[in-house]
Protein backbone atom coordinates (compact mmCIF):
# COMPACT_ATOMS: atom_id res chain seq x y z
CA MET A 1 0.00 0.00 0.00
CA ALA A 2 2.88 2.38 0.75
CA ASN A 3 4.26 1.90 -2.77
CA LEU A 4 0.89 2.74 -4.29
CA ASN A 5 0.61 5.93 -2.22
CA SER A 6 4.11 7.05 -3.15
CA SER A 7 3.35 6.34 -6.81
CA TYR A 8 0.26 8.55 -6.64
CA ALA A 9 2.19 11.23 -4.79
CA GLY A 10 4.73 11.35 -7.60
CA TRP A 11 1.98 12.08 -10.11
CA THR A 12 0.33 14.85 -8.08
CA PRO A 13 2.42 17.78 -9.45
CA ARG A 14 1.88 16.59 -13.03
CA VAL A 15 -1.86 16.12 -12.66
CA LEU A 16 -2.08 19.54 -10.97
CA SER A 17 -0.39 21.01 -14.06
CA ILE A 18 -2.83 19.22 -16.36
CA LEU A 19 -5.79 20.53 -14.36
CA ARG A 20 -4.30 24.03 -14.49
CA ILE A 21 -3.75 23.91 -18.25
CA VAL A 22 -7.20 22.54 -19.09
CA SER A 23 -9.00 24.89 -16.67
CA ALA A 24 -7.05 27.90 -17.91
CA PHE A 25 -7.69 27.07 -21.56
CA MET A 26 -11.44 26.81 -20.98
CA PHE A 27 -11.45 29.98 -18.87
CA LEU A 28 -9.43 31.87 -21.47
CA ALA A 29 -12.04 30.88 -24.08
CA HIS A 30 -14.77 32.57 -22.00
CA GLY A 31 -12.73 35.78 -22.05
CA ALA A 32 -12.07 35.47 -25.79
CA GLN A 33 -15.79 35.03 -26.36
CA LYS A 34 -16.59 38.22 -24.44
CA LEU A 35 -13.77 40.35 -25.86
CA PHE A 36 -13.38 39.09 -29.41
CA GLY A 37 -16.61 37.19 -30.16
CA PHE A 38 -14.64 33.93 -30.42
CA LEU A 39 -17.20 31.11 -30.71
CA ALA A 40 -19.97 33.48 -29.62
CA PRO A 41 -23.47 32.83 -30.92
CA PRO A 42 -24.18 34.78 -34.12
CA GLY A 43 -25.41 38.28 -33.42
CA SER A 44 -24.11 38.38 -29.85
CA PRO A 45 -23.28 41.93 -28.86
CA SER A 46 -19.80 42.78 -27.64
CA PRO A 47 -19.63 44.36 -24.19
CA ALA A 48 -19.19 48.11 -24.04
CA PRO A 49 -15.59 49.16 -23.40
CA PHE A 50 -14.83 49.60 -19.69
CA SER A 51 -18.12 47.98 -18.68
CA GLN A 52 -18.08 45.33 -15.97
CA MET A 53 -18.54 42.59 -18.58
CA TRP A 54 -15.65 43.97 -20.66
CA VAL A 55 -13.34 44.15 -17.62
CA GLY A 56 -14.42 40.63 -16.63
CA GLY A 57 -13.65 39.40 -20.14
CA GLY A 58 -10.18 40.96 -19.91
CA ILE A 59 -9.54 39.32 -16.55
CA GLU A 60 -10.75 35.98 -17.94
CA PHE A 61 -8.66 36.20 -21.10
CA PHE A 62 -5.38 37.57 -19.75
CA GLY A 63 -5.65 35.82 -16.39
CA GLY A 64 -6.45 32.59 -18.21
CA LEU A 65 -3.44 33.10 -20.47
CA LEU A 66 -1.09 33.63 -17.51
CA LEU A 67 -2.57 30.62 -15.75
CA LEU A 68 -2.23 28.52 -18.90
CA LEU A 69 1.48 29.35 -18.98
CA GLY A 70 1.82 28.86 -15.24
CA LEU A 71 3.24 32.36 -14.84
CA PHE A 72 2.51 34.18 -11.56
CA THR A 73 0.17 31.28 -10.86
CA ARG A 74 -0.56 31.92 -7.19
CA PRO A 75 -1.45 35.64 -7.34
CA VAL A 76 -3.29 35.30 -10.66
CA ALA A 77 -5.27 32.32 -9.41
CA PHE A 78 -6.17 34.24 -6.24
CA ILE A 79 -7.51 37.14 -8.31
CA LEU A 80 -9.40 34.77 -10.62
CA SER A 81 -10.89 32.95 -7.64
CA GLY A 82 -12.19 36.25 -6.25
CA THR A 83 -13.49 37.25 -9.66
CA MET A 84 -15.47 34.03 -9.90
CA ALA A 85 -16.85 34.48 -6.38
CA VAL A 86 -18.10 37.94 -7.39
CA ALA A 87 -19.47 36.52 -10.64
CA TYR A 88 -21.36 33.82 -8.77
CA PHE A 89 -22.92 36.04 -6.14
CA GLN A 90 -23.56 39.05 -8.36
CA MET A 91 -24.49 37.50 -11.70
CA HIS A 92 -26.01 34.20 -10.65
CA ALA A 93 -27.26 34.14 -7.06
CA TRP A 94 -28.32 37.79 -6.73
CA THR A 95 -29.85 38.04 -10.20
CA ALA A 96 -31.82 34.84 -9.64
CA PHE A 97 -32.89 36.07 -6.19
CA GLN A 98 -34.15 39.34 -7.69
CA LYS A 99 -36.09 37.52 -10.39
CA GLN A 100 -37.44 34.64 -8.28
CA GLY A 101 -37.62 36.15 -4.80
CA LEU A 102 -37.09 33.93 -1.78
CA SER A 103 -38.28 30.84 -3.64
CA GLY A 104 -34.90 30.01 -5.10
CA GLY A 105 -31.79 31.17 -6.75
CA PHE A 106 -28.95 30.69 -4.27
CA TRP A 107 -28.00 27.13 -5.25
CA PRO A 108 -25.73 26.80 -8.29
CA LEU A 109 -27.97 24.23 -9.95
CA GLN A 110 -30.91 26.63 -9.75
CA ASN A 111 -29.13 29.75 -10.98
CA ARG A 112 -26.78 28.18 -13.54
CA GLY A 113 -23.74 29.24 -11.56
CA GLU A 114 -22.07 25.82 -11.33
CA LEU A 115 -19.20 26.85 -13.57
CA ALA A 116 -18.49 30.09 -11.68
CA ALA A 117 -18.55 28.25 -8.33
CA LEU A 118 -16.34 25.43 -9.61
CA TYR A 119 -13.82 27.83 -11.20
CA CYS A 120 -13.73 29.78 -7.91
CA PHE A 121 -12.60 26.74 -5.95
CA VAL A 122 -10.30 25.31 -8.63
CA PHE A 123 -8.51 28.66 -8.80
CA LEU A 124 -8.35 28.77 -5.00
CA LEU A 125 -6.57 25.40 -5.17
CA PHE A 126 -3.97 26.87 -7.57
CA ALA A 127 -3.56 29.95 -5.35
CA VAL A 128 -2.56 27.62 -2.50
CA ALA A 129 -0.85 24.73 -4.32
CA GLY A 130 0.80 26.57 -7.21
CA GLY A 131 0.89 25.57 -10.85
CA GLY A 132 2.38 22.11 -10.60
CA GLN A 133 5.41 20.60 -12.23
CA TRP A 134 4.90 21.99 -15.73
CA SER A 135 4.74 25.74 -15.18
CA LEU A 136 6.89 28.73 -16.03
CA ASP A 137 6.93 29.61 -12.32
CA ARG A 138 8.73 26.35 -11.56
CA LEU A 139 11.13 26.83 -14.47
CA LEU A 140 11.99 30.37 -13.33
CA ARG A 141 12.49 29.20 -9.72
CA ARG A 142 14.87 26.48 -10.92
CA GLU A 143 17.07 29.04 -12.74
CA ARG A 144 17.72 31.04 -9.56
């Protein structure tokens, strides 16, 4: 059993990197959709410059890009985690509460906020654990 546990432990930094890369790529795509219309439904309006949606798209795109590279992983992930917490409570829970009253809206399944909530906690993991074995942060630390 000890051998199996040590084998899993050896894979942890690699799997953390894979989770970071996949999560960041998907998150970056959300920002690209908002900012550049990438894979947006036909006729979708672009957000007004300097609007909250435009700023959020910039955070998603550029934060996702930095996270994808594993550069400044911990601080970027912390900011992204907070951004997703705000997105969940402001855009999902509060909006649903305003529309539906006390009858529902807080739970992610009810207000379609599962992705924001999940991203929030995945990014919190990266803020604490770092970017894993395959990150520019690790490569830059090794050079020092």
